[in-house]
PDB file of all heavy atoms in Angstrom:
ATOM      1  N   GLY A   1      -4.338  -2.845 -19.702  1.00  0.00           N
ATOM      2  CA  GLY A   1      -5.523  -2.829 -18.824  1.00  0.00           C
ATOM      3  C   GLY A   1      -5.673  -4.239 -18.224  1.00  0.00           C
ATOM      4  O   GLY A   1      -4.874  -5.129 -18.495  1.00  0.00           O
ATOM      5  N   GLY A   2      -6.644  -4.363 -17.373  1.00  0.00           N
ATOM      6  CA  GLY A   2      -6.920  -5.651 -16.784  1.00  0.00           C
ATOM      7  C   GLY A   2      -5.848  -6.099 -15.816  1.00  0.00           C
ATOM      8  O   GLY A   2      -5.589  -5.427 -14.800  1.00  0.00           O
ATOM      9  N   SER A   3      -5.196  -7.197 -16.107  1.00  0.00           N
ATOM     10  CA  SER A   3      -4.203  -7.796 -15.187  1.00  0.00           C
ATOM     11  C   SER A   3      -2.968  -6.969 -15.034  1.00  0.00           C
ATOM     12  O   SER A   3      -2.325  -7.018 -13.993  1.00  0.00           O
ATOM     13  CB  SER A   3      -3.844  -9.226 -15.645  1.00  0.00           C
ATOM     14  OG  SER A   3      -4.972 -10.063 -15.598  1.00  0.00           O
ATOM     15  N   ALA A   4      -2.587  -6.189 -16.051  1.00  0.00           N
ATOM     16  CA  ALA A   4      -1.342  -5.419 -15.992  1.00  0.00           C
ATOM     17  C   ALA A   4      -1.345  -4.438 -14.820  1.00  0.00           C
ATOM     18  O   ALA A   4      -0.439  -4.447 -13.984  1.00  0.00           O
ATOM     19  CB  ALA A   4      -1.066  -4.713 -17.278  1.00  0.00           C
ATOM     20  N   PRO A   5      -2.345  -3.516 -14.700  1.00  0.00           N
ATOM     21  CA  PRO A   5      -2.291  -2.592 -13.573  1.00  0.00           C
ATOM     22  C   PRO A   5      -2.547  -3.247 -12.231  1.00  0.00           C
ATOM     23  O   PRO A   5      -1.973  -2.839 -11.226  1.00  0.00           O
ATOM     24  CB  PRO A   5      -3.367  -1.560 -13.916  1.00  0.00           C
ATOM     25  CG  PRO A   5      -4.279  -2.227 -14.847  1.00  0.00           C
ATOM     26  CD  PRO A   5      -3.415  -3.221 -15.626  1.00  0.00           C
ATOM     27  N   HIS A   6      -3.357  -4.277 -12.219  1.00  0.00           N
ATOM     28  CA  HIS A   6      -3.633  -4.965 -10.913  1.00  0.00           C
ATOM     29  C   HIS A   6      -2.376  -5.658 -10.421  1.00  0.00           C
ATOM     30  O   HIS A   6      -2.073  -5.633  -9.233  1.00  0.00           O
ATOM     31  CB  HIS A   6      -4.790  -5.942 -11.104  1.00  0.00           C
ATOM     32  CG  HIS A   6      -6.097  -5.294 -11.400  1.00  0.00           C
ATOM     33  ND1 HIS A   6      -6.721  -4.430 -10.552  1.00  0.00           N
ATOM     34  CD2 HIS A   6      -6.876  -5.368 -12.483  1.00  0.00           C
ATOM     35  CE1 HIS A   6      -7.828  -4.007 -11.095  1.00  0.00           C
ATOM     36  NE2 HIS A   6      -7.946  -4.551 -12.272  1.00  0.00           N
ATOM     37  N   THR A   7      -1.668  -6.266 -11.333  1.00  0.00           N
ATOM     38  CA  THR A   7      -0.389  -6.903 -10.955  1.00  0.00           C
ATOM     39  C   THR A   7       0.628  -5.882 -10.550  1.00  0.00           C
ATOM     40  O   THR A   7       1.320  -6.044  -9.517  1.00  0.00           O
ATOM     41  CB  THR A   7       0.137  -7.741 -12.143  1.00  0.00           C
ATOM     42  OG1 THR A   7      -0.823  -8.749 -12.487  1.00  0.00           O
ATOM     43  CG2 THR A   7       1.464  -8.366 -11.803  1.00  0.00           C
ATOM     44  N   ALA A   8       0.742  -4.797 -11.292  1.00  0.00           N
ATOM     45  CA  ALA A   8       1.723  -3.757 -10.993  1.00  0.00           C
ATOM     46  C   ALA A   8       1.524  -3.173  -9.588  1.00  0.00           C
ATOM     47  O   ALA A   8       2.500  -2.953  -8.847  1.00  0.00           O
ATOM     48  CB  ALA A   8       1.659  -2.644 -12.031  1.00  0.00           C
ATOM     49  N   LYS A   9       0.282  -2.998  -9.161  1.00  0.00           N
ATOM     50  CA  LYS A   9       0.022  -2.465  -7.817  1.00  0.00           C
ATOM     51  C   LYS A   9       0.563  -3.381  -6.756  1.00  0.00           C
ATOM     52  O   LYS A   9       1.089  -2.958  -5.734  1.00  0.00           O
ATOM     53  CB  LYS A   9      -1.486  -2.303  -7.596  1.00  0.00           C
ATOM     54  CG  LYS A   9      -2.084  -1.129  -8.398  1.00  0.00           C
ATOM     55  CD  LYS A   9      -3.496  -0.897  -8.061  1.00  0.00           C
ATOM     56  CE  LYS A   9      -4.368  -1.986  -8.691  1.00  0.00           C
ATOM     57  NZ  LYS A   9      -5.826  -1.696  -8.484  1.00  0.00           N
ATOM     58  N   ARG A  10       0.506  -4.646  -6.962  1.00  0.00           N
ATOM     59  CA  ARG A  10       1.018  -5.627  -6.004  1.00  0.00           C
ATOM     60  C   ARG A  10       2.536  -5.711  -6.080  1.00  0.00           C
ATOM     61  O   ARG A  10       3.216  -5.827  -5.048  1.00  0.00           O
ATOM     62  CB  ARG A  10       0.405  -6.978  -6.253  1.00  0.00           C
ATOM     63  CG  ARG A  10      -1.075  -7.009  -5.842  1.00  0.00           C
ATOM     64  CD  ARG A  10      -1.867  -8.121  -6.509  1.00  0.00           C
ATOM     65  NE  ARG A  10      -3.242  -8.129  -6.101  1.00  0.00           N
ATOM     66  CZ  ARG A  10      -4.204  -7.396  -6.666  1.00  0.00           C
ATOM     67  NH1 ARG A  10      -3.911  -6.536  -7.614  1.00  0.00           N
ATOM     68  NH2 ARG A  10      -5.442  -7.456  -6.233  1.00  0.00           N
ATOM     69  N   VAL A  11       3.085  -5.632  -7.270  1.00  0.00           N
ATOM     70  CA  VAL A  11       4.538  -5.730  -7.431  1.00  0.00           C
ATOM     71  C   VAL A  11       5.235  -4.530  -6.802  1.00  0.00           C
ATOM     72  O   VAL A  11       6.263  -4.697  -6.130  1.00  0.00           O
ATOM     73  CB  VAL A  11       4.915  -5.819  -8.963  1.00  0.00           C
ATOM     74  CG1 VAL A  11       6.383  -5.605  -9.175  1.00  0.00           C
ATOM     75  CG2 VAL A  11       4.452  -7.159  -9.497  1.00  0.00           C
ATOM     76  N   VAL A  12       4.710  -3.310  -6.947  1.00  0.00           N
ATOM     77  CA  VAL A  12       5.374  -2.171  -6.367  1.00  0.00           C
ATOM     78  C   VAL A  12       5.408  -2.247  -4.831  1.00  0.00           C
ATOM     79  O   VAL A  12       6.352  -1.790  -4.207  1.00  0.00           O
ATOM     80  CB  VAL A  12       4.772  -0.810  -6.814  1.00  0.00           C
ATOM     81  CG1 VAL A  12       4.941  -0.605  -8.296  1.00  0.00           C
ATOM     82  CG2 VAL A  12       3.351  -0.641  -6.376  1.00  0.00           C
ATOM     83  N   TYR A  13       4.413  -2.881  -4.270  1.00  0.00           N
ATOM     84  CA  TYR A  13       4.412  -3.053  -2.831  1.00  0.00           C
ATOM     85  C   TYR A  13       5.407  -4.163  -2.413  1.00  0.00           C
ATOM     86  O   TYR A  13       6.236  -3.973  -1.537  1.00  0.00           O
ATOM     87  CB  TYR A  13       3.005  -3.411  -2.305  1.00  0.00           C
ATOM     88  CG  TYR A  13       2.990  -3.668  -0.832  1.00  0.00           C
ATOM     89  CD1 TYR A  13       2.993  -2.605   0.074  1.00  0.00           C
ATOM     90  CD2 TYR A  13       3.040  -4.954  -0.355  1.00  0.00           C
ATOM     91  CE1 TYR A  13       3.006  -2.872   1.409  1.00  0.00           C
ATOM     92  CE2 TYR A  13       3.048  -5.207   1.013  1.00  0.00           C
ATOM     93  CZ  TYR A  13       3.031  -4.139   1.891  1.00  0.00           C
ATOM     94  OH  TYR A  13       3.050  -4.377   3.269  1.00  0.00           O
ATOM     95  N   LEU A  14       5.277  -5.308  -3.036  1.00  0.00           N
ATOM     96  CA  LEU A  14       6.102  -6.466  -2.640  1.00  0.00           C
ATOM     97  C   LEU A  14       7.593  -6.238  -2.912  1.00  0.00           C
ATOM     98  O   LEU A  14       8.414  -6.845  -2.264  1.00  0.00           O
ATOM     99  CB  LEU A  14       5.624  -7.727  -3.369  1.00  0.00           C
ATOM    100  CG  LEU A  14       4.211  -8.227  -2.939  1.00  0.00           C
ATOM    101  CD1 LEU A  14       3.799  -9.358  -3.823  1.00  0.00           C
ATOM    102  CD2 LEU A  14       4.243  -8.651  -1.479  1.00  0.00           C
ATOM    103  N   SER A  15       7.910  -5.352  -3.850  1.00  0.00           N
ATOM    104  CA  SER A  15       9.308  -5.068  -4.160  1.00  0.00           C
ATOM    105  C   SER A  15      10.022  -4.296  -3.034  1.00  0.00           C
ATOM    106  O   SER A  15      11.219  -4.364  -2.922  1.00  0.00           O
ATOM    107  CB  SER A  15       9.386  -4.230  -5.445  1.00  0.00           C
ATOM    108  OG  SER A  15       8.905  -4.941  -6.496  1.00  0.00           O
ATOM    109  N   LYS A  16       9.276  -3.577  -2.224  1.00  0.00           N
ATOM    110  CA  LYS A  16       9.899  -2.757  -1.180  1.00  0.00           C
ATOM    111  C   LYS A  16       9.497  -3.182   0.244  1.00  0.00           C
ATOM    112  O   LYS A  16      10.055  -2.639   1.193  1.00  0.00           O
ATOM    113  CB  LYS A  16       9.455  -1.293  -1.363  1.00  0.00           C
ATOM    114  CG  LYS A  16       9.968  -0.645  -2.622  1.00  0.00           C
ATOM    115  CD  LYS A  16      11.452  -0.440  -2.589  1.00  0.00           C
ATOM    116  CE  LYS A  16      11.783   0.740  -1.754  1.00  0.00           C
ATOM    117  NZ  LYS A  16      13.207   1.079  -1.793  1.00  0.00           N
ATOM    118  N   SER A  17       8.599  -4.080   0.404  1.00  0.00           N
ATOM    119  CA  SER A  17       8.103  -4.424   1.720  1.00  0.00           C
ATOM    120  C   SER A  17       8.295  -5.918   1.976  1.00  0.00           C
ATOM    121  O   SER A  17       8.177  -6.724   1.052  1.00  0.00           O
ATOM    122  CB  SER A  17       6.639  -4.100   1.849  1.00  0.00           C
ATOM    123  OG  SER A  17       6.433  -2.710   1.716  1.00  0.00           O
ATOM    124  N   PRO A  18       8.603  -6.293   3.203  1.00  0.00           N
ATOM    125  CA  PRO A  18       8.739  -7.697   3.511  1.00  0.00           C
ATOM    126  C   PRO A  18       7.384  -8.408   3.484  1.00  0.00           C
ATOM    127  O   PRO A  18       6.352  -7.783   3.532  1.00  0.00           O
ATOM    128  CB  PRO A  18       9.308  -7.704   4.934  1.00  0.00           C
ATOM    129  CG  PRO A  18       8.841  -6.404   5.516  1.00  0.00           C
ATOM    130  CD  PRO A  18       8.772  -5.443   4.382  1.00  0.00           C
ATOM    131  N   GLY A  19       7.432  -9.680   3.341  1.00  0.00           N
ATOM    132  CA  GLY A  19       6.184 -10.418   3.355  1.00  0.00           C
ATOM    133  C   GLY A  19       5.901 -11.005   1.996  1.00  0.00           C
ATOM    134  O   GLY A  19       6.648 -10.884   1.046  1.00  0.00           O
ATOM    135  N   TRP A  20       4.752 -11.613   1.930  1.00  0.00           N
ATOM    136  CA  TRP A  20       4.301 -12.339   0.714  1.00  0.00           C
ATOM    137  C   TRP A  20       2.917 -11.834   0.382  1.00  0.00           C
ATOM    138  O   TRP A  20       2.237 -11.243   1.186  1.00  0.00           O
ATOM    139  CB  TRP A  20       4.354 -13.824   0.970  1.00  0.00           C
ATOM    140  CG  TRP A  20       4.019 -14.681  -0.227  1.00  0.00           C
ATOM    141  CD1 TRP A  20       2.982 -15.524  -0.343  1.00  0.00           C
ATOM    142  CD2 TRP A  20       4.671 -14.718  -1.471  1.00  0.00           C
ATOM    143  NE1 TRP A  20       2.962 -16.104  -1.572  1.00  0.00           N
ATOM    144  CE2 TRP A  20       4.017 -15.630  -2.304  1.00  0.00           C
ATOM    145  CE3 TRP A  20       5.797 -14.066  -1.993  1.00  0.00           C
ATOM    146  CZ2 TRP A  20       4.413 -15.892  -3.622  1.00  0.00           C
ATOM    147  CZ3 TRP A  20       6.169 -14.352  -3.303  1.00  0.00           C
ATOM    148  CH2 TRP A  20       5.488 -15.263  -4.077  1.00  0.00           C
ATOM    149  N   LEU A  21       2.483 -12.089  -0.828  1.00  0.00           N
ATOM    150  CA  LEU A  21       1.206 -11.598  -1.337  1.00  0.00           C
ATOM    151  C   LEU A  21       0.060 -11.995  -0.393  1.00  0.00           C
ATOM    152  O   LEU A  21      -0.820 -11.159  -0.082  1.00  0.00           O
ATOM    153  CB  LEU A  21       0.962 -12.147  -2.731  1.00  0.00           C
ATOM    154  CG  LEU A  21      -0.252 -11.609  -3.480  1.00  0.00           C
ATOM    155  CD1 LEU A  21      -0.146 -10.131  -3.655  1.00  0.00           C
ATOM    156  CD2 LEU A  21      -0.358 -12.274  -4.837  1.00  0.00           C
ATOM    157  N   ASP A  22       0.058 -13.195   0.105  1.00  0.00           N
ATOM    158  CA  ASP A  22      -1.039 -13.641   0.970  1.00  0.00           C
ATOM    159  C   ASP A  22      -1.111 -12.844   2.286  1.00  0.00           C
ATOM    160  O   ASP A  22      -2.134 -12.800   2.939  1.00  0.00           O
ATOM    161  CB  ASP A  22      -0.913 -15.125   1.279  1.00  0.00           C
ATOM    162  CG  ASP A  22      -1.105 -15.970   0.026  1.00  0.00           C
ATOM    163  OD1 ASP A  22      -1.704 -15.491  -0.956  1.00  0.00           O
ATOM    164  OD2 ASP A  22      -0.651 -17.137   0.060  1.00  0.00           O
ATOM    165  N   ASP A  23       0.019 -12.211   2.658  1.00  0.00           N
ATOM    166  CA  ASP A  23       0.060 -11.455   3.921  1.00  0.00           C
ATOM    167  C   ASP A  23      -0.667 -10.117   3.829  1.00  0.00           C
ATOM    168  O   ASP A  23      -0.943  -9.516   4.870  1.00  0.00           O
ATOM    169  CB  ASP A  23       1.499 -11.166   4.305  1.00  0.00           C
ATOM    170  CG  ASP A  23       2.313 -12.429   4.536  1.00  0.00           C
ATOM    171  OD1 ASP A  23       1.717 -13.463   4.872  1.00  0.00           O
ATOM    172  OD2 ASP A  23       3.563 -12.385   4.367  1.00  0.00           O
ATOM    173  N   ILE A  24      -0.991  -9.656   2.615  1.00  0.00           N
ATOM    174  CA  ILE A  24      -1.581  -8.334   2.511  1.00  0.00           C
ATOM    175  C   ILE A  24      -3.014  -8.342   2.012  1.00  0.00           C
ATOM    176  O   ILE A  24      -3.611  -7.308   1.769  1.00  0.00           O
ATOM    177  CB  ILE A  24      -0.751  -7.402   1.572  1.00  0.00           C
ATOM    178  CG1 ILE A  24      -0.645  -7.989   0.150  1.00  0.00           C
ATOM    179  CG2 ILE A  24       0.604  -7.142   2.170  1.00  0.00           C
ATOM    180  CD1 ILE A  24      -0.075  -7.021  -0.878  1.00  0.00           C
ATOM    181  N   TYR A  25      -3.623  -9.521   1.907  1.00  0.00           N
ATOM    182  CA  TYR A  25      -5.034  -9.587   1.524  1.00  0.00           C
ATOM    183  C   TYR A  25      -5.904  -9.193   2.738  1.00  0.00           C
ATOM    184  O   TYR A  25      -5.812  -9.822   3.799  1.00  0.00           O
ATOM    185  CB  TYR A  25      -5.457 -10.972   1.025  1.00  0.00           C
ATOM    186  CG  TYR A  25      -5.014 -11.202  -0.424  1.00  0.00           C
ATOM    187  CD1 TYR A  25      -4.174 -12.245  -0.771  1.00  0.00           C
ATOM    188  CD2 TYR A  25      -5.475 -10.352  -1.414  1.00  0.00           C
ATOM    189  CE1 TYR A  25      -3.806 -12.427  -2.072  1.00  0.00           C
ATOM    190  CE2 TYR A  25      -5.121 -10.550  -2.753  1.00  0.00           C
ATOM    191  CZ  TYR A  25      -4.280 -11.624  -3.065  1.00  0.00           C
ATOM    192  OH  TYR A  25      -3.922 -11.787  -4.358  1.00  0.00           O
ATOM    193  N   GLY A  26      -6.668  -8.156   2.603  1.00  0.00           N
ATOM    194  CA  GLY A  26      -7.478  -7.657   3.644  1.00  0.00           C
ATOM    195  C   GLY A  26      -7.391  -6.148   3.731  1.00  0.00           C
ATOM    196  O   GLY A  26      -6.609  -5.530   3.050  1.00  0.00           O
ATOM    197  N   ILE A  27      -8.193  -5.586   4.525  1.00  0.00           N
ATOM    198  CA  ILE A  27      -8.285  -4.116   4.663  1.00  0.00           C
ATOM    199  C   ILE A  27      -7.132  -3.620   5.533  1.00  0.00           C
ATOM    200  O   ILE A  27      -6.893  -4.148   6.603  1.00  0.00           O
ATOM    201  CB  ILE A  27      -9.631  -3.723   5.239  1.00  0.00           C
ATOM    202  CG1 ILE A  27     -10.740  -4.152   4.295  1.00  0.00           C
ATOM    203  CG2 ILE A  27      -9.703  -2.190   5.468  1.00  0.00           C
ATOM    204  CD1 ILE A  27     -12.159  -3.981   4.848  1.00  0.00           C
ATOM    205  N   TYR A  28      -6.437  -2.600   5.035  1.00  0.00           N
ATOM    206  CA  TYR A  28      -5.342  -1.916   5.729  1.00  0.00           C
ATOM    207  C   TYR A  28      -4.169  -2.789   6.104  1.00  0.00           C
ATOM    208  O   TYR A  28      -3.449  -2.514   7.070  1.00  0.00           O
ATOM    209  CB  TYR A  28      -5.888  -1.204   6.980  1.00  0.00           C
ATOM    210  CG  TYR A  28      -7.025  -0.283   6.722  1.00  0.00           C
ATOM    211  CD1 TYR A  28      -8.266  -0.509   7.282  1.00  0.00           C
ATOM    212  CD2 TYR A  28      -6.865   0.813   5.908  1.00  0.00           C
ATOM    213  CE1 TYR A  28      -9.355   0.355   7.038  1.00  0.00           C
ATOM    214  CE2 TYR A  28      -7.938   1.664   5.638  1.00  0.00           C
ATOM    215  CZ  TYR A  28      -9.162   1.439   6.231  1.00  0.00           C
ATOM    216  OH  TYR A  28     -10.206   2.270   5.965  1.00  0.00           O
ATOM    217  N   LEU A  29      -3.871  -3.849   5.372  1.00  0.00           N
ATOM    218  CA  LEU A  29      -2.776  -4.720   5.656  1.00  0.00           C
ATOM    219  C   LEU A  29      -1.516  -4.353   4.888  1.00  0.00           C
ATOM    220  O   LEU A  29      -0.425  -4.675   5.292  1.00  0.00           O
ATOM    221  CB  LEU A  29      -3.149  -6.177   5.422  1.00  0.00           C
ATOM    222  CG  LEU A  29      -4.245  -6.734   6.308  1.00  0.00           C
ATOM    223  CD1 LEU A  29      -4.556  -8.180   5.953  1.00  0.00           C
ATOM    224  CD2 LEU A  29      -3.869  -6.612   7.767  1.00  0.00           C
ATOM    225  N   ALA A  30      -1.656  -3.673   3.729  1.00  0.00           N
ATOM    226  CA  ALA A  30      -0.517  -3.273   2.939  1.00  0.00           C
ATOM    227  C   ALA A  30      -0.088  -1.876   3.362  1.00  0.00           C
ATOM    228  O   ALA A  30      -0.501  -0.895   2.753  1.00  0.00           O
ATOM    229  CB  ALA A  30      -0.869  -3.350   1.457  1.00  0.00           C
ATOM    230  N   THR A  31       0.714  -1.790   4.392  1.00  0.00           N
ATOM    231  CA  THR A  31       1.097  -0.463   4.927  1.00  0.00           C
ATOM    232  C   THR A  31       2.528  -0.179   4.788  1.00  0.00           C
ATOM    233  O   THR A  31       2.993   0.875   5.265  1.00  0.00           O
ATOM    234  CB  THR A  31       0.733  -0.429   6.450  1.00  0.00           C
ATOM    235  OG1 THR A  31       1.436  -1.489   7.122  1.00  0.00           O
ATOM    236  CG2 THR A  31      -0.776  -0.590   6.660  1.00  0.00           C
ATOM    237  N   GLY A  32       3.307  -1.007   4.106  1.00  0.00           N
ATOM    238  CA  GLY A  32       4.733  -0.788   3.968  1.00  0.00           C
ATOM    239  C   GLY A  32       5.065   0.160   2.810  1.00  0.00           C
ATOM    240  O   GLY A  32       4.192   0.774   2.193  1.00  0.00           O
ATOM    241  N   LYS A  33       6.336   0.249   2.528  1.00  0.00           N
ATOM    242  CA  LYS A  33       6.843   1.105   1.425  1.00  0.00           C
ATOM    243  C   LYS A  33       6.509   0.510   0.087  1.00  0.00           C
ATOM    244  O   LYS A  33       6.290  -0.691  -0.035  1.00  0.00           O
ATOM    245  CB  LYS A  33       8.344   1.308   1.553  1.00  0.00           C
ATOM    246  CG  LYS A  33       8.754   2.048   2.809  1.00  0.00           C
ATOM    247  CD  LYS A  33      10.216   2.219   2.861  1.00  0.00           C
ATOM    248  CE  LYS A  33      10.603   3.007   4.129  1.00  0.00           C
ATOM    249  NZ  LYS A  33      12.014   3.293   4.202  1.00  0.00           N
ATOM    250  N   ARG A  34       6.515   1.377  -0.904  1.00  0.00           N
ATOM    251  CA  ARG A  34       6.230   0.958  -2.263  1.00  0.00           C
ATOM    252  C   ARG A  34       7.155   1.666  -3.252  1.00  0.00           C
ATOM    253  O   ARG A  34       7.623   2.750  -2.996  1.00  0.00           O
ATOM    254  CB  ARG A  34       4.801   1.326  -2.661  1.00  0.00           C
ATOM    255  CG  ARG A  34       3.695   0.666  -1.849  1.00  0.00           C
ATOM    256  CD  ARG A  34       2.352   1.359  -2.073  1.00  0.00           C
ATOM    257  NE  ARG A  34       1.269   0.650  -1.462  1.00  0.00           N
ATOM    258  CZ  ARG A  34       0.960   0.751  -0.181  1.00  0.00           C
ATOM    259  NH1 ARG A  34       1.651   1.504   0.612  1.00  0.00           N
ATOM    260  NH2 ARG A  34      -0.049   0.057   0.316  1.00  0.00           N
ATOM    261  N   LEU A  35       7.372   1.042  -4.406  1.00  0.00           N
ATOM    262  CA  LEU A  35       8.040   1.707  -5.474  1.00  0.00           C
ATOM    263  C   LEU A  35       7.061   2.688  -6.150  1.00  0.00           C
ATOM    264  O   LEU A  35       5.829   2.461  -6.126  1.00  0.00           O
ATOM    265  CB  LEU A  35       8.482   0.696  -6.590  1.00  0.00           C
ATOM    266  CG  LEU A  35       9.632  -0.217  -6.219  1.00  0.00           C
ATOM    267  CD1 LEU A  35       9.810  -1.242  -7.341  1.00  0.00           C
ATOM    268  CD2 LEU A  35      10.932   0.590  -6.046  1.00  0.00           C
ATOM    269  N   PRO A  36       7.535   3.721  -6.803  1.00  0.00           N
ATOM    270  CA  PRO A  36       6.641   4.551  -7.559  1.00  0.00           C
ATOM    271  C   PRO A  36       5.993   3.757  -8.750  1.00  0.00           C
ATOM    272  O   PRO A  36       6.676   2.878  -9.308  1.00  0.00           O
ATOM    273  CB  PRO A  36       7.536   5.657  -8.135  1.00  0.00           C
ATOM    274  CG  PRO A  36       8.713   5.670  -7.252  1.00  0.00           C
ATOM    275  CD  PRO A  36       8.873   4.259  -6.779  1.00  0.00           C
ATOM    276  N   LEU A  37       4.756   4.037  -9.054  1.00  0.00           N
ATOM    277  CA  LEU A  37       4.044   3.321 -10.126  1.00  0.00           C
ATOM    278  C   LEU A  37       3.543   4.308 -11.135  1.00  0.00           C
ATOM    279  O   LEU A  37       2.825   5.246 -10.781  1.00  0.00           O
ATOM    280  CB  LEU A  37       2.902   2.514  -9.542  1.00  0.00           C
ATOM    281  CG  LEU A  37       1.944   1.832 -10.505  1.00  0.00           C
ATOM    282  CD1 LEU A  37       2.677   0.825 -11.431  1.00  0.00           C
ATOM    283  CD2 LEU A  37       0.787   1.141  -9.800  1.00  0.00           C
ATOM    284  N   LEU A  38       3.878   4.091 -12.367  1.00  0.00           N
ATOM    285  CA  LEU A  38       3.375   4.876 -13.491  1.00  0.00           C
ATOM    286  C   LEU A  38       2.458   3.951 -14.308  1.00  0.00           C
ATOM    287  O   LEU A  38       2.830   2.833 -14.595  1.00  0.00           O
ATOM    288  CB  LEU A  38       4.527   5.367 -14.386  1.00  0.00           C
ATOM    289  CG  LEU A  38       5.584   6.173 -13.641  1.00  0.00           C
ATOM    290  CD1 LEU A  38       6.883   6.157 -14.417  1.00  0.00           C
ATOM    291  CD2 LEU A  38       5.092   7.558 -13.392  1.00  0.00           C
ATOM    292  N   ARG A  39       1.247   4.420 -14.623  1.00  0.00           N
ATOM    293  CA  ARG A  39       0.310   3.561 -15.329  1.00  0.00           C
ATOM    294  C   ARG A  39      -0.092   4.193 -16.646  1.00  0.00           C
ATOM    295  O   ARG A  39      -0.459   5.384 -16.700  1.00  0.00           O
ATOM    296  CB  ARG A  39      -0.959   3.343 -14.493  1.00  0.00           C
ATOM    297  CG  ARG A  39      -0.667   2.520 -13.288  1.00  0.00           C
ATOM    298  CD  ARG A  39      -1.885   2.343 -12.408  1.00  0.00           C
ATOM    299  NE  ARG A  39      -3.043   1.954 -13.181  1.00  0.00           N
ATOM    300  CZ  ARG A  39      -4.280   1.900 -12.648  1.00  0.00           C
ATOM    301  NH1 ARG A  39      -4.483   2.216 -11.402  1.00  0.00           N
ATOM    302  NH2 ARG A  39      -5.265   1.524 -13.407  1.00  0.00           N
TER     303      ARG A  39
END
């Protein structure tokens, strides 16, 4: 719980999409592909 699922959500996105974490802060900015996430 806590940091684990929050981090995983970002990792699955950044693993498949170009850019850096700071590029996706904001509404509707993370629109690229993602890895499947199991929680």
